[in-house]
Amino acid sequence: MKIVLALALAASLAACNSYSTRDRALVGGAVGAGSGALIAGAAAGTGGAALAGGIIGGAAGAILGGATTPKACRDAYGRAVRCP
């Protein structure tokens, strides 16, 4: 049951869409840390593995979240348009 709740929380955070690199890096880091800790803890069954998985997952999630920030393209009137 705890895993289902954790996955639901991760999915709700992953649905946040922001054009801010900082926001995307923070959410990516949080989702990555939680997912990494859950997976490593379940796979190895130790607290140390969960800690290592959380650290690695958090770092990877923050890097990928910040790197995948979409461009916010605007026209001459300031309206959002599709980026070329």
N, C-alpha and C. Protein backbone atom coordinates (compact mmCIF):
# COMPACT_ATOMS: atom_id res chain seq x y z
N MET A 1 0.82 -1.19 0.00
CA MET A 1 0.00 0.00 0.00
C MET A 1 0.86 1.26 0.00
N LYS A 2 1.97 1.23 0.74
CA LYS A 2 2.85 2.40 0.80
C LYS A 2 3.46 2.69 -0.57
N ILE A 3 3.78 1.63 -1.29
CA ILE A 3 4.39 1.82 -2.61
C ILE A 3 3.38 2.46 -3.56
N VAL A 4 2.13 2.06 -3.48
CA VAL A 4 1.10 2.63 -4.35
C VAL A 4 0.93 4.12 -4.06
N LEU A 5 0.92 4.49 -2.77
CA LEU A 5 0.79 5.89 -2.42
C LEU A 5 2.00 6.69 -2.87
N ALA A 6 3.19 6.13 -2.73
CA ALA A 6 4.40 6.82 -3.16
C ALA A 6 4.41 7.01 -4.67
N LEU A 7 3.98 6.01 -5.41
CA LEU A 7 3.93 6.13 -6.87
C LEU A 7 2.87 7.14 -7.31
N ALA A 8 1.76 7.20 -6.59
CA ALA A 8 0.73 8.18 -6.92
C ALA A 8 1.23 9.60 -6.66
N LEU A 9 1.98 9.78 -5.57
CA LEU A 9 2.56 11.09 -5.29
C LEU A 9 3.58 11.47 -6.35
N ALA A 10 4.42 10.53 -6.74
CA ALA A 10 5.42 10.80 -7.78
C ALA A 10 4.75 11.15 -9.10
N ALA A 11 3.69 10.46 -9.44
CA ALA A 11 2.99 10.75 -10.69
C ALA A 11 2.34 12.13 -10.66
N SER A 12 1.81 12.52 -9.50
CA SER A 12 1.19 13.84 -9.43
C SER A 12 2.23 14.94 -9.52
N LEU A 13 3.41 14.72 -8.96
CA LEU A 13 4.48 15.72 -9.09
C LEU A 13 5.02 15.76 -10.51
N ALA A 14 5.09 14.62 -11.15
CA ALA A 14 5.63 14.57 -12.51
C ALA A 14 4.70 15.27 -13.49
N ALA A 15 3.43 15.42 -13.14
CA ALA A 15 2.49 16.07 -14.03
C ALA A 15 2.63 17.58 -14.03
N CYS A 16 3.38 18.14 -13.09
CA CYS A 16 3.57 19.59 -13.03
C CYS A 16 4.41 20.02 -14.24
N ASN A 17 3.88 20.98 -14.97
CA ASN A 17 4.62 21.47 -16.13
C ASN A 17 4.97 22.92 -15.90
N SER A 18 6.24 23.21 -15.89
CA SER A 18 6.71 24.56 -15.66
C SER A 18 7.77 24.89 -16.69
N TYR A 19 7.86 26.16 -17.04
CA TYR A 19 8.91 26.60 -17.95
C TYR A 19 10.13 27.07 -17.20
N SER A 20 10.11 26.99 -15.88
CA SER A 20 11.25 27.39 -15.07
C SER A 20 12.22 26.22 -14.92
N THR A 21 13.47 26.44 -15.27
CA THR A 21 14.48 25.40 -15.15
C THR A 21 14.63 24.98 -13.69
N ARG A 22 14.59 25.94 -12.78
CA ARG A 22 14.74 25.64 -11.35
C ARG A 22 13.59 24.75 -10.85
N ASP A 23 12.36 25.10 -11.22
CA ASP A 23 11.22 24.30 -10.78
C ASP A 23 11.28 22.88 -11.32
N ARG A 24 11.63 22.75 -12.59
CA ARG A 24 11.70 21.42 -13.19
C ARG A 24 12.83 20.60 -12.57
N ALA A 25 13.95 21.24 -12.23
CA ALA A 25 15.05 20.52 -11.59
C ALA A 25 14.65 20.08 -10.19
N LEU A 26 13.93 20.92 -9.44
CA LEU A 26 13.50 20.55 -8.10
C LEU A 26 12.50 19.39 -8.12
N VAL A 27 11.53 19.47 -9.00
CA VAL A 27 10.53 18.40 -9.09
C VAL A 27 11.19 17.11 -9.60
N GLY A 28 12.05 17.24 -10.59
CA GLY A 28 12.76 16.05 -11.10
C GLY A 28 13.62 15.41 -10.04
N GLY A 29 14.30 16.25 -9.24
CA GLY A 29 15.11 15.72 -8.15
C GLY A 29 14.29 15.01 -7.10
N ALA A 30 13.14 15.58 -6.75
CA ALA A 30 12.27 14.97 -5.75
C ALA A 30 11.70 13.63 -6.23
N VAL A 31 11.23 13.62 -7.46
CA VAL A 31 10.68 12.39 -8.02
C VAL A 31 11.78 11.34 -8.17
N GLY A 32 12.95 11.76 -8.64
CA GLY A 32 14.07 10.83 -8.80
C GLY A 32 14.55 10.26 -7.48
N ALA A 33 14.63 11.11 -6.45
CA ALA A 33 15.08 10.65 -5.15
C ALA A 33 14.09 9.65 -4.55
N GLY A 34 12.82 9.97 -4.63
CA GLY A 34 11.82 9.05 -4.09
C GLY A 34 11.78 7.73 -4.84
N SER A 35 11.82 7.81 -6.14
CA SER A 35 11.78 6.58 -6.94
C SER A 35 13.04 5.75 -6.73
N GLY A 36 14.20 6.42 -6.72
CA GLY A 36 15.45 5.70 -6.52
C GLY A 36 15.52 5.02 -5.16
N ALA A 37 15.05 5.71 -4.13
CA ALA A 37 15.05 5.13 -2.79
C ALA A 37 14.11 3.94 -2.70
N LEU A 38 12.93 4.06 -3.29
CA LEU A 38 11.98 2.95 -3.26
C LEU A 38 12.50 1.73 -4.01
N ILE A 39 13.02 1.97 -5.19
CA ILE A 39 13.49 0.84 -6.01
C ILE A 39 14.70 0.17 -5.38
N ALA A 40 15.69 0.97 -4.96
CA ALA A 40 16.90 0.39 -4.38
C ALA A 40 16.61 -0.28 -3.04
N GLY A 41 15.75 0.33 -2.24
CA GLY A 41 15.38 -0.27 -0.96
C GLY A 41 14.65 -1.59 -1.13
N ALA A 42 13.75 -1.64 -2.12
CA ALA A 42 13.01 -2.87 -2.36
C ALA A 42 13.91 -3.95 -2.96
N ALA A 43 14.86 -3.54 -3.80
CA ALA A 43 15.72 -4.52 -4.46
C ALA A 43 16.74 -5.11 -3.49
N ALA A 44 17.35 -4.28 -2.67
CA ALA A 44 18.41 -4.76 -1.78
C ALA A 44 17.92 -5.04 -0.36
N GLY A 45 16.86 -4.36 0.04
CA GLY A 45 16.30 -4.59 1.37
C GLY A 45 17.09 -3.95 2.50
N THR A 46 17.96 -3.01 2.21
CA THR A 46 18.72 -2.36 3.28
C THR A 46 18.53 -0.85 3.20
N GLY A 47 18.74 -0.20 4.34
CA GLY A 47 18.63 1.25 4.39
C GLY A 47 19.73 1.94 3.61
N GLY A 48 20.92 1.36 3.61
CA GLY A 48 22.03 1.95 2.87
C GLY A 48 21.77 1.97 1.38
N ALA A 49 21.18 0.91 0.89
CA ALA A 49 20.86 0.87 -0.54
C ALA A 49 19.79 1.89 -0.88
N ALA A 50 18.81 2.04 0.01
CA ALA A 50 17.77 3.04 -0.22
C ALA A 50 18.36 4.44 -0.22
N LEU A 51 19.29 4.70 0.68
CA LEU A 51 19.94 6.00 0.73
C LEU A 51 20.75 6.27 -0.54
N ALA A 52 21.52 5.29 -0.96
CA ALA A 52 22.31 5.45 -2.19
C ALA A 52 21.40 5.62 -3.40
N GLY A 53 20.34 4.85 -3.48
CA GLY A 53 19.39 4.98 -4.58
C GLY A 53 18.71 6.34 -4.59
N GLY A 54 18.41 6.85 -3.41
CA GLY A 54 17.80 8.18 -3.31
C GLY A 54 18.74 9.27 -3.77
N ILE A 55 20.01 9.16 -3.39
CA ILE A 55 20.99 10.17 -3.79
C ILE A 55 21.22 10.13 -5.30
N ILE A 56 21.42 8.94 -5.83
CA ILE A 56 21.66 8.81 -7.27
C ILE A 56 20.43 9.21 -8.07
N GLY A 57 19.26 8.76 -7.63
CA GLY A 57 18.02 9.11 -8.34
C GLY A 57 17.71 10.59 -8.27
N GLY A 58 17.99 11.21 -7.12
CA GLY A 58 17.76 12.65 -6.98
C GLY A 58 18.66 13.46 -7.89
N ALA A 59 19.93 13.07 -7.95
CA ALA A 59 20.87 13.79 -8.82
C ALA A 59 20.48 13.62 -10.29
N ALA A 60 20.16 12.40 -10.67
CA ALA A 60 19.77 12.15 -12.07
C ALA A 60 18.48 12.88 -12.42
N GLY A 61 17.52 12.86 -11.52
CA GLY A 61 16.24 13.54 -11.77
C GLY A 61 16.41 15.05 -11.88
N ALA A 62 17.26 15.63 -11.04
CA ALA A 62 17.49 17.08 -11.11
C ALA A 62 18.18 17.47 -12.41
N ILE A 63 19.16 16.68 -12.81
CA ILE A 63 19.88 16.97 -14.05
C ILE A 63 18.95 16.86 -15.25
N LEU A 64 18.19 15.77 -15.32
CA LEU A 64 17.29 15.58 -16.45
C LEU A 64 16.13 16.57 -16.43
N GLY A 65 15.62 16.88 -15.25
CA GLY A 65 14.53 17.85 -15.16
C GLY A 65 14.95 19.23 -15.63
N GLY A 66 16.14 19.64 -15.23
CA GLY A 66 16.64 20.94 -15.66
C GLY A 66 17.01 20.98 -17.13
N ALA A 67 17.49 19.87 -17.64
CA ALA A 67 17.95 19.82 -19.03
C ALA A 67 16.79 19.75 -20.03
N THR A 68 15.63 19.33 -19.58
CA THR A 68 14.50 19.15 -20.51
C THR A 68 13.49 20.29 -20.43
N THR A 69 13.90 21.43 -19.93
CA THR A 69 13.00 22.58 -19.85
C THR A 69 12.65 23.04 -21.25
N PRO A 70 11.35 23.11 -21.58
CA PRO A 70 10.97 23.55 -22.92
C PRO A 70 11.19 25.05 -23.09
N LYS A 71 11.39 25.45 -24.33
CA LYS A 71 11.52 26.88 -24.62
C LYS A 71 10.15 27.53 -24.58
N ALA A 72 10.11 28.75 -24.09
CA ALA A 72 8.87 29.51 -24.09
C ALA A 72 8.95 30.51 -25.25
N CYS A 73 8.37 30.16 -26.38
CA CYS A 73 8.43 31.01 -27.57
C CYS A 73 7.24 31.97 -27.56
N ARG A 74 7.52 33.20 -27.91
CA ARG A 74 6.50 34.25 -27.94
C ARG A 74 6.53 34.95 -29.29
N ASP A 75 5.38 35.46 -29.72
CA ASP A 75 5.36 36.24 -30.95
C ASP A 75 5.61 37.71 -30.60
N ALA A 76 5.49 38.58 -31.59
CA ALA A 76 5.78 40.00 -31.39
C ALA A 76 4.81 40.66 -30.40
N TYR A 77 3.65 40.03 -30.17
CA TYR A 77 2.66 40.58 -29.25
C TYR A 77 2.71 39.95 -27.86
N GLY A 78 3.67 39.04 -27.62
CA GLY A 78 3.82 38.41 -26.33
C GLY A 78 2.96 37.18 -26.12
N ARG A 79 2.30 36.73 -27.16
CA ARG A 79 1.46 35.53 -27.04
C ARG A 79 2.33 34.27 -27.20
N ALA A 80 1.99 33.25 -26.45
CA ALA A 80 2.72 31.98 -26.56
C ALA A 80 2.42 31.33 -27.91
N VAL A 81 3.46 30.91 -28.59
CA VAL A 81 3.33 30.23 -29.88
C VAL A 81 4.18 28.98 -29.86
N ARG A 82 3.94 28.09 -30.82
CA ARG A 82 4.72 26.87 -30.94
C ARG A 82 6.13 27.22 -31.39
N CYS A 83 7.10 26.66 -30.70
CA CYS A 83 8.50 26.92 -31.05
C CYS A 83 8.88 26.18 -32.33
N PRO A 84 9.70 26.82 -33.15
CA PRO A 84 10.11 26.15 -34.40
C PRO A 84 11.04 24.99 -34.15
